[in-house]
């Protein structure tokens, strides 16, 4: 899918969060982020055809415990983009979203999930 300035590519082979992130970087992009309701809706339109859950480009920082997007922005804990009662696990340090509502959910980084890479296009 090509959105203004962005190309999204869905990968159906399941990988851990770090494997998926590395693959996106090798492709010249990064894992997708959901920072706004509009970006959530774009992802919803895109993956409604193919999968149930995908990795997002965010992790829980080792120091401080903040959730951080790959570009360094903090993921606000009071954001309406989180599932209710999320994040809820001390051991889950990566973010995913799934087809039910496309909201943010903490998940175990070593689990195998599908993923969406986002690449900038001129």
Foldseek 3Di string as FASTA:
>chain_A
DDDVQKDKDWFFWWFFQVVQQVVLVVVAFGFAAPQDVVSLVVVLVVCVPPDFKAFGQWWQDPPPRFIAGVVGDTRDPPDPLADPPPPPDPQFTTWMATNPRSGTYGHHRGDIDITMTMHGDD
